[in-house]
Amino acid sequence: MNPVVLIPTYVSASRRTQGGTVTTTYDHATPLSSEGELPRCLNSLRCVRGLGAIVILVAAEAAVENQAASKVRGIAAQFPDLDIVVVGAPEAALVRQRMEQLGIVTHGEVGLAGYGAVRNMGLLMANVLGFDAAVFVDDDEIIEDEAFLERAMYGLGKLTRRGVPILAKTGYYLNDQDSYLSRRSTKWYDRYWEQGKAFNAWITRAMRGPRLSRSNHVCGGCLALHKEAFKRVSFDPWISRGEDLDYMLDLRMYGSDIWFDNTWVLRHLPPKTPREGMRFRQDIFRWLYEYRKLEYARTQIDLMQIKPQSLLPYPGPFLTADVVKRIKRTALLRSIGRPDGKGYRNAAKAASNEAARYAEEHCGKYFEFQFMWPTLMLRMENDAILKSALMRSAGRDEAVGVSMGSGINPGETTEIRLNLGASE
């Protein structure tokens, strides 16, 4: 296969603590004046066997989007041995212009603002530049396995013993203590929000299973998508965060799934989140929106129905009708027990007001956009005009992407067919 590595990076004007809009408040935006973690990530990719093209997607506030793109180009220039294309504001403008020429109307669902829209831009780049697989890596991660891409491609595009296609797969993260378990708090103020405990129960079971099994979780920075998945299903640009897990739910609704590979791993070393209350606020928007979106999906006769009970132990408990009550109780308890008390009190207000309205207003919009996504991707696949414009913008005359081997030999294919039966 011929995979492209996609790396979203988020840049802010300064070390500010306030957030942007619902969809443009990021967990770990790098100040314009700092290099951040991206150079460390790129340096680690040098060890990866068979590495081809890398596309860096630069998300930044409108006021500094051109400076952010220039900054990231400067970082990329430090790695002349890597095949890097930077997609910033100028390239996004080329994409919009080409879509307008083709009569494709979008409203920011593919762009460089918001987690889901940025990932959609990455999928569009993979499609336009002619790659048959996309591998997402986050800029605050490091790769320590020279076979990282080979593991990513293992089984992708193949069939299980029961004839189920593997079109999307995820691996897992190790933290700075060499553990794949979540370190989220389980103290008294989290009794109604034991997200870390639920995740740990799921991954402990998945790590004991066969190499590939159906996944209830997605690590967005360790995610591989076959072209038959990314040409058919888009990310949701209206979700505040957790767009990776949401993509798994989208795939299920449209008849596919994500598989967990318990040998595919990288190290996640994120910077410290400056305000816990702000992150919890985004979680409130996320889970309320997710719940309403699944409720809306049940009214659509052409979608597969997803029940929270099918997603135990995680994330099912966060997709039930009592999520609002649990949010309010958690916000109240954390406002007493955690340092950022004001942030949690504000989050509690958001749970009953702004977040609920946002979920009701936007829960059906994804399905309208998703309806046009396959047509959009078909019309822009290997688009010679846009590809040429992107290469000129990058200061290059040739198309990116050298055909690679799949890294999957016949023996591995046989192993997949033997191992997967027990997990279906």
Protein backbone atom coordinates (compact mmCIF):
# COMPACT_ATOMS: atom_id res chain seq x y z
CA MET A 1 0.00 0.00 0.00
CA ASN A 2 0.94 3.65 -0.37
CA PRO A 3 0.16 5.44 2.92
CA VAL A 4 0.54 9.12 3.75
CA VAL A 5 1.22 10.28 7.32
CA LEU A 6 -1.07 13.14 8.35
CA ILE A 7 -0.04 15.35 11.28
CA PRO A 8 -2.44 18.05 12.51
CA THR A 9 -0.75 20.84 14.47
CA TYR A 10 -2.53 23.64 16.31
CA VAL A 11 -1.04 27.12 16.69
CA SER A 12 -2.24 30.02 18.84
CA ALA A 13 -1.26 33.68 18.85
CA SER A 14 0.12 33.54 22.41
CA ARG A 15 0.02 31.58 25.64
CA ARG A 16 -3.55 32.61 26.28
CA THR A 17 -5.86 30.53 28.42
CA GLN A 18 -9.23 31.50 27.00
CA GLY A 19 -10.76 29.25 24.40
CA GLY A 20 -12.12 29.92 20.95
CA THR A 21 -15.48 28.76 19.67
CA VAL A 22 -16.97 25.40 20.58
CA THR A 23 -15.06 23.70 17.75
CA THR A 24 -11.87 25.79 17.78
CA THR A 25 -10.86 25.39 21.42
CA TYR A 26 -7.91 23.01 21.35
CA ASP A 27 -6.36 21.00 24.15
CA HIS A 28 -2.74 21.75 23.30
CA ALA A 29 -2.28 24.69 20.94
CA THR A 30 1.36 25.75 20.51
CA PRO A 31 2.10 29.48 20.87
CA LEU A 32 3.35 31.13 17.69
CA SER A 33 6.59 32.02 19.48
CA SER A 34 7.35 28.40 20.39
CA GLU A 35 8.38 25.41 18.27
CA GLY A 36 6.38 23.11 20.49
CA GLU A 37 6.43 19.33 20.14
CA LEU A 38 6.29 19.08 16.32
CA PRO A 39 10.09 18.92 15.76
CA ARG A 40 10.35 16.08 18.27
CA CYS A 41 7.62 14.17 16.43
CA LEU A 42 9.22 14.69 13.01
CA ASN A 43 12.61 13.64 14.30
CA SER A 44 11.15 10.41 15.65
CA LEU A 45 9.65 9.59 12.23
CA ARG A 46 13.17 9.38 10.80
CA CYS A 47 13.46 5.89 12.26
CA VAL A 48 10.36 4.57 10.48
CA ARG A 49 11.08 2.02 7.79
CA GLY A 50 9.40 2.68 4.43
CA LEU A 51 8.26 6.17 5.38
CA GLY A 52 6.89 8.11 2.41
CA ALA A 53 5.05 11.42 2.33
CA ILE A 54 4.10 13.45 5.39
CA VAL A 55 1.39 16.12 5.27
CA ILE A 56 1.32 18.63 8.13
CA LEU A 57 -2.04 20.36 8.61
CA VAL A 58 -1.70 23.78 10.26
CA ALA A 59 -4.71 24.98 12.25
CA ALA A 60 -4.45 28.53 13.60
CA GLU A 61 -6.50 31.58 14.47
CA ALA A 62 -7.36 33.71 11.44
CA ALA A 63 -5.22 36.60 12.69
CA VAL A 64 -2.03 34.52 12.62
CA GLU A 65 -2.81 31.76 10.12
CA ASN A 66 -0.21 32.92 7.57
CA GLN A 67 2.48 33.35 10.24
CA ALA A 68 1.60 29.91 11.59
CA ALA A 69 2.01 28.35 8.14
CA SER A 70 5.36 30.09 7.69
CA LYS A 71 6.50 28.92 11.11
CA VAL A 72 5.64 25.29 10.36
CA ARG A 73 7.36 25.51 6.96
CA GLY A 74 10.46 26.64 8.82
CA ILE A 75 10.23 23.62 11.10
CA ALA A 76 9.73 21.30 8.14
CA ALA A 77 12.82 22.79 6.47
CA GLN A 78 14.88 21.43 9.38
CA PHE A 79 14.13 17.92 8.07
CA PRO A 80 15.25 17.92 4.42
CA ASP A 81 15.50 14.12 4.49
CA LEU A 82 11.74 13.83 5.07
CA ASP A 83 9.14 14.20 2.30
CA ILE A 84 6.97 16.90 3.91
CA VAL A 85 4.13 18.96 2.49
CA VAL A 86 2.74 21.72 4.72
CA VAL A 87 -0.93 22.57 4.30
CA GLY A 88 -1.65 25.97 5.81
CA ALA A 89 -3.95 28.88 5.03
CA PRO A 90 -2.63 29.40 1.44
CA GLU A 91 -3.19 25.75 0.54
CA ALA A 92 -6.62 25.74 2.18
CA ALA A 93 -7.52 28.71 -0.04
CA LEU A 94 -6.49 26.69 -3.10
CA VAL A 95 -8.73 23.83 -1.97
CA ARG A 96 -11.71 26.16 -1.51
CA GLN A 97 -11.11 27.73 -4.90
CA ARG A 98 -10.95 24.37 -6.64
CA MET A 99 -14.09 23.13 -4.92
CA GLU A 100 -15.91 26.27 -6.03
CA GLN A 101 -14.75 25.65 -9.61
CA LEU A 102 -16.20 22.14 -9.39
CA GLY A 103 -19.47 23.42 -7.94
CA ILE A 104 -18.86 21.78 -4.55
CA VAL A 105 -20.43 23.86 -1.77
CA THR A 106 -19.12 23.49 1.77
CA HIS A 107 -19.27 25.73 4.85
CA GLY A 108 -16.08 25.00 6.72
CA GLU A 109 -16.65 21.25 7.07
CA VAL A 110 -13.32 20.75 5.28
CA GLY A 111 -10.76 23.25 6.52
CA LEU A 112 -8.20 24.20 9.12
CA ALA A 113 -10.49 25.23 11.98
CA GLY A 114 -11.83 22.56 14.33
CA TYR A 115 -10.71 19.01 15.02
CA GLY A 116 -13.14 17.35 12.62
CA ALA A 117 -12.67 19.83 9.77
CA VAL A 118 -8.87 19.55 10.01
CA ARG A 119 -9.04 15.76 9.77
CA ASN A 120 -11.37 16.07 6.79
CA MET A 121 -8.77 18.30 5.15
CA GLY A 122 -6.22 15.56 5.77
CA LEU A 123 -8.46 12.95 4.15
CA LEU A 124 -9.02 15.25 1.19
CA MET A 125 -5.23 15.69 0.80
CA ALA A 126 -4.75 11.92 0.83
CA ASN A 127 -7.42 11.62 -1.84
CA VAL A 128 -6.20 14.44 -4.08
CA LEU A 129 -2.57 13.33 -3.90
CA GLY A 130 -3.47 9.74 -4.76
CA PHE A 131 -2.71 7.78 -1.57
CA ASP A 132 -4.62 4.63 -0.75
CA ALA A 133 -4.21 4.85 3.04
CA ALA A 134 -4.03 7.65 5.59
CA VAL A 135 -2.20 7.35 8.92
CA PHE A 136 -2.91 10.06 11.50
CA VAL A 137 -0.19 10.97 14.00
CA ASP A 138 -0.43 13.81 16.53
CA ASP A 139 2.37 16.35 16.88
CA ASP A 140 2.87 15.61 20.60
CA GLU A 141 3.77 11.96 19.97
CA ILE A 142 6.99 10.13 19.24
CA ILE A 143 7.45 6.94 17.25
CA GLU A 144 9.96 4.45 18.63
CA ASP A 145 9.24 1.45 16.39
CA GLU A 146 10.93 1.32 12.98
CA ALA A 147 8.10 -0.99 11.84
CA PHE A 148 5.45 1.59 12.78
CA LEU A 149 4.04 1.93 9.26
CA GLU A 150 4.22 -1.79 8.58
CA ARG A 151 2.16 -2.41 11.70
CA ALA A 152 -0.24 0.34 10.62
CA MET A 153 -0.80 -1.39 7.28
CA TYR A 154 -1.11 -4.87 8.79
CA GLY A 155 -4.47 -6.26 7.73
CA LEU A 156 -5.72 -2.97 6.29
CA GLY A 157 -7.82 -3.65 3.21
CA LYS A 158 -7.93 -7.39 3.96
CA LEU A 159 -10.83 -9.60 4.96
CA THR A 160 -11.28 -11.48 8.20
CA ARG A 161 -12.04 -15.19 8.13
CA ARG A 162 -15.72 -14.30 8.07
CA GLY A 163 -15.28 -11.95 5.14
CA VAL A 164 -15.45 -8.69 7.13
CA PRO A 165 -13.30 -5.96 5.53
CA ILE A 166 -10.77 -4.17 7.73
CA LEU A 167 -10.91 -0.57 6.50
CA ALA A 168 -9.97 1.31 9.66
CA LYS A 169 -7.77 0.45 12.62
CA THR A 170 -6.29 2.04 15.68
CA GLY A 171 -3.40 1.29 18.01
CA TYR A 172 -2.70 2.58 21.49
CA TYR A 173 -0.60 5.09 23.39
CA LEU A 174 2.09 4.63 25.98
CA ASN A 175 2.54 7.46 28.45
CA ASP A 176 5.76 8.67 30.09
CA GLN A 177 5.53 5.78 32.56
CA ASP A 178 5.34 3.09 29.84
CA SER A 179 1.69 2.37 30.61
CA TYR A 180 -1.28 2.18 28.27
CA LEU A 181 -3.70 2.74 31.16
CA SER A 182 -5.42 6.07 31.71
CA ARG A 183 -4.21 8.08 34.69
CA ARG A 184 -7.43 10.04 34.98
CA SER A 185 -8.49 10.68 38.54
CA THR A 186 -10.83 8.28 40.35
CA LYS A 187 -11.21 10.44 43.46
CA TRP A 188 -14.43 11.23 45.27
CA TYR A 189 -15.30 14.13 43.01
CA ASP A 190 -15.25 11.84 39.96
CA ARG A 191 -17.72 9.26 41.23
CA TYR A 192 -20.19 10.21 38.46
CA TRP A 193 -17.53 10.56 35.77
CA GLU A 194 -15.22 7.55 35.91
CA GLN A 195 -14.07 7.86 32.32
CA GLY A 196 -10.54 6.65 33.02
CA LYS A 197 -11.74 3.61 34.96
CA ALA A 198 -14.13 2.61 32.16
CA PHE A 199 -11.44 3.02 29.50
CA ASN A 200 -8.95 0.98 31.51
CA ALA A 201 -11.44 -1.86 31.82
CA TRP A 202 -11.89 -1.89 28.05
CA ILE A 203 -8.23 -1.70 27.00
CA THR A 204 -7.13 -4.27 29.58
CA ARG A 205 -9.49 -6.74 27.96
CA ALA A 206 -8.46 -5.73 24.41
CA MET A 207 -4.76 -6.16 25.18
CA ARG A 208 -5.42 -9.75 26.27
CA GLY A 209 -7.29 -10.58 23.08
CA PRO A 210 -6.13 -11.42 19.54
CA ARG A 211 -3.93 -8.98 17.65
CA LEU A 212 -6.93 -7.47 15.85
CA SER A 213 -10.35 -7.12 17.44
CA ARG A 214 -13.30 -4.80 16.99
CA SER A 215 -12.59 -1.60 18.87
CA ASN A 216 -14.70 0.51 21.23
CA HIS A 217 -12.05 3.20 21.31
CA VAL A 218 -9.94 5.20 18.88
CA CYS A 219 -6.57 6.87 19.40
CA GLY A 220 -6.73 9.69 16.88
CA GLY A 221 -2.96 9.96 16.85
CA CYS A 222 -2.57 6.27 16.00
CA LEU A 223 -5.25 5.79 13.37
CA ALA A 224 -5.01 4.17 9.92
CA LEU A 225 -7.76 4.47 7.32
CA HIS A 226 -8.03 2.64 4.02
CA LYS A 227 -9.19 4.77 1.09
CA GLU A 228 -12.45 2.82 0.96
CA ALA A 229 -13.20 4.16 4.44
CA PHE A 230 -12.05 7.76 4.08
CA LYS A 231 -13.66 8.19 0.66
CA ARG A 232 -16.97 7.02 2.09
CA VAL A 233 -17.17 8.43 5.63
CA SER A 234 -16.09 11.89 6.84
CA PHE A 235 -15.26 13.21 10.29
CA ASP A 236 -17.86 15.29 12.09
CA PRO A 237 -16.83 18.98 12.07
CA TRP A 238 -19.42 19.94 14.70
CA ILE A 239 -18.06 17.91 17.60
CA SER A 240 -16.02 19.91 20.12
CA ARG A 241 -13.41 17.22 20.78
CA GLY A 242 -13.22 13.44 20.67
CA GLU A 243 -13.65 13.46 16.89
CA ASP A 244 -11.65 10.23 16.69
CA LEU A 245 -14.04 8.21 18.87
CA ASP A 246 -16.94 9.88 17.10
CA TYR A 247 -15.54 8.62 13.78
CA MET A 248 -15.82 5.06 15.05
CA LEU A 249 -19.52 5.67 15.76
CA ASP A 250 -19.95 7.23 12.31
CA LEU A 251 -18.37 4.20 10.66
CA ARG A 252 -20.68 1.88 12.58
CA MET A 253 -23.74 3.88 11.59
CA TYR A 254 -22.69 3.56 7.96
CA GLY A 255 -22.02 -0.16 8.15
CA SER A 256 -18.30 -0.41 8.89
CA ASP A 257 -16.09 -0.50 11.99
CA ILE A 258 -12.68 0.25 13.50
CA TRP A 259 -10.33 -2.53 14.57
CA PHE A 260 -7.88 -2.43 17.48
CA ASP A 261 -4.31 -3.66 16.90
CA ASN A 262 -2.73 -4.47 20.26
CA THR A 263 0.80 -4.50 18.78
CA TRP A 264 0.64 -1.05 17.14
CA VAL A 265 1.89 1.56 19.58
CA LEU A 266 3.53 4.97 19.93
CA ARG A 267 4.33 7.25 22.84
CA HIS A 268 2.04 10.17 23.73
CA LEU A 269 3.73 13.01 25.62
CA PRO A 270 1.27 15.92 25.66
CA PRO A 271 2.07 19.24 27.33
CA LYS A 272 0.13 20.06 30.48
CA THR A 273 -3.41 21.33 29.94
CA PRO A 274 -3.46 24.85 31.45
CA ARG A 275 -7.12 24.88 32.57
CA GLU A 276 -8.95 21.72 33.62
CA GLY A 277 -12.30 23.48 33.73
CA MET A 278 -12.02 24.52 30.08
CA ARG A 279 -11.27 20.96 29.01
CA PHE A 280 -14.23 19.65 31.00
CA ARG A 281 -16.41 22.29 29.33
CA GLN A 282 -15.39 20.87 25.96
CA ASP A 283 -16.17 17.39 27.24
CA ILE A 284 -19.65 18.58 28.20
CA PHE A 285 -20.27 19.85 24.69
CA ARG A 286 -18.81 16.64 23.31
CA TRP A 287 -20.90 14.11 25.22
CA LEU A 288 -24.16 16.05 25.06
CA TYR A 289 -23.68 16.44 21.32
CA GLU A 290 -22.77 12.77 20.92
CA TYR A 291 -25.85 11.65 22.81
CA ARG A 292 -28.17 13.89 20.77
CA LYS A 293 -26.50 12.84 17.53
CA LEU A 294 -27.08 9.14 18.22
CA GLU A 295 -30.68 9.91 19.20
CA TYR A 296 -31.16 11.77 15.93
CA ALA A 297 -29.57 8.91 13.99
CA ARG A 298 -32.22 6.53 15.31
CA THR A 299 -34.81 8.50 13.33
CA GLN A 300 -32.97 7.79 10.08
CA ILE A 301 -34.04 4.54 8.44
CA ASP A 302 -30.85 4.14 6.37
CA LEU A 303 -28.43 4.09 9.33
CA MET A 304 -27.31 1.23 11.56
CA GLN A 305 -28.57 1.76 15.10
CA ILE A 306 -26.02 2.11 17.92
CA LYS A 307 -27.04 1.26 21.47
CA PRO A 308 -24.93 2.31 24.48
CA GLN A 309 -25.13 -1.27 25.78
CA SER A 310 -23.07 -2.39 22.78
CA LEU A 311 -20.26 -0.07 23.86
CA LEU A 312 -19.58 -1.31 27.38
CA PRO A 313 -17.55 -0.76 29.44
CA TYR A 314 -16.52 2.32 27.44
CA PRO A 315 -17.85 4.68 26.07
CA GLY A 316 -21.39 3.35 26.52
CA PRO A 317 -22.01 4.91 29.97
CA PHE A 318 -21.40 8.38 28.49
CA LEU A 319 -23.99 7.96 25.74
CA THR A 320 -27.10 7.44 27.86
CA ALA A 321 -29.95 9.80 28.75
CA ASP A 322 -28.60 10.51 32.25
CA VAL A 323 -25.45 12.17 30.90
CA VAL A 324 -26.77 15.67 31.75
CA LYS A 325 -27.37 14.74 35.37
CA ARG A 326 -23.93 13.18 35.67
CA ILE A 327 -22.29 16.23 34.08
CA LYS A 328 -23.92 18.63 36.55
CA ARG A 329 -23.00 16.50 39.56
CA THR A 330 -19.41 16.10 38.40
CA ALA A 331 -19.02 19.82 37.70
CA LEU A 332 -20.33 20.65 41.17
CA LEU A 333 -18.08 18.15 42.95
CA ARG A 334 -15.00 19.16 40.96
CA SER A 335 -15.64 22.83 41.66
CA ILE A 336 -15.22 21.93 45.33
CA GLY A 337 -12.39 19.41 45.06
CA ARG A 338 -10.24 20.70 42.17
CA PRO A 339 -8.15 23.90 41.86
CA ASP A 340 -10.02 25.37 38.87
CA GLY A 341 -13.28 25.81 40.76
CA LYS A 342 -14.54 28.74 38.72
CA GLY A 343 -13.95 26.84 35.49
CA TYR A 344 -16.00 23.90 36.71
CA ARG A 345 -18.83 26.17 37.91
CA ASN A 346 -18.93 27.74 34.46
CA ALA A 347 -18.94 24.27 32.96
CA ALA A 348 -21.95 23.32 35.08
CA LYS A 349 -23.86 26.29 33.70
CA ALA A 350 -22.91 25.28 30.17
CA ALA A 351 -24.32 21.81 30.74
CA SER A 352 -27.84 23.09 31.27
CA ASN A 353 -27.76 25.97 28.81
CA GLU A 354 -25.30 26.56 25.99
CA ALA A 355 -24.14 22.98 25.44
CA ALA A 356 -27.68 21.61 25.39
CA ARG A 357 -28.75 24.23 22.83
CA TYR A 358 -25.68 23.54 20.72
CA ALA A 359 -26.42 19.81 20.67
CA GLU A 360 -30.04 20.31 19.66
CA GLU A 361 -29.15 22.81 16.94
CA HIS A 362 -26.32 20.84 15.33
CA CYS A 363 -27.03 17.14 15.93
CA GLY A 364 -28.46 16.56 12.44
CA LYS A 365 -25.99 18.60 10.42
CA TYR A 366 -23.35 15.91 10.13
CA PHE A 367 -25.70 13.61 8.24
CA GLU A 368 -26.45 16.34 5.69
CA PHE A 369 -22.74 16.85 5.09
CA GLN A 370 -21.97 13.14 5.11
CA PHE A 371 -24.56 12.61 2.37
CA MET A 372 -22.42 14.69 -0.03
CA TRP A 373 -19.00 13.50 1.18
CA PRO A 374 -18.59 10.47 -1.15
CA THR A 375 -19.45 12.65 -4.16
CA LEU A 376 -17.03 15.35 -3.02
CA MET A 377 -14.23 12.80 -2.67
CA LEU A 378 -15.02 11.14 -6.00
CA ARG A 379 -14.89 14.44 -7.87
CA MET A 380 -11.61 15.50 -6.25
CA GLU A 381 -9.79 12.17 -6.34
CA ASN A 382 -6.36 12.60 -7.98
CA ASP A 383 -7.44 16.07 -9.15
CA ALA A 384 -4.55 17.10 -11.41
CA ILE A 385 -5.27 20.84 -11.24
CA LEU A 386 -5.38 21.01 -7.45
CA LYS A 387 -2.44 18.63 -7.08
CA SER A 388 -0.33 20.82 -9.37
CA ALA A 389 -1.35 23.97 -7.49
CA LEU A 390 -0.50 22.39 -4.14
CA MET A 391 2.92 21.29 -5.37
CA ARG A 392 3.68 24.76 -6.69
CA SER A 393 2.62 26.24 -3.38
CA ALA A 394 5.00 23.83 -1.66
CA GLY A 395 7.80 24.90 -4.01
CA ARG A 396 7.94 21.52 -5.73
CA ASP A 397 7.42 20.45 -9.31
CA GLU A 398 6.80 16.75 -8.83
CA ALA A 399 3.88 14.94 -7.23
CA VAL A 400 4.42 13.52 -3.76
CA GLY A 401 4.19 9.91 -2.78
CA VAL A 402 6.37 7.05 -3.92
CA SER A 403 4.63 3.71 -4.19
CA MET A 404 5.50 1.52 -1.22
CA GLY A 405 5.12 -2.11 -0.37
CA SER A 406 2.24 -2.94 1.93
CA GLY A 407 4.42 -4.43 4.64
CA ILE A 408 1.95 -7.36 4.73
CA ASN A 409 3.26 -10.68 3.52
CA PRO A 410 1.16 -13.78 2.84
CA GLY A 411 2.02 -15.23 6.23
CA GLU A 412 0.60 -12.19 7.98
CA THR A 413 -2.60 -12.39 5.97
CA THR A 414 -3.01 -16.01 7.06
CA GLU A 415 -2.46 -14.98 10.67
CA ILE A 416 -5.24 -12.41 10.42
CA ARG A 417 -7.67 -14.95 9.09
CA LEU A 418 -6.83 -17.33 11.93
CA ASN A 419 -6.96 -14.80 14.76
CA LEU A 420 -10.03 -12.75 14.03
CA GLY A 421 -12.72 -15.38 14.26
CA ALA A 422 -12.84 -15.32 18.04
CA SER A 423 -13.33 -11.56 18.16
CA GLU A 424 -16.25 -11.28 15.74
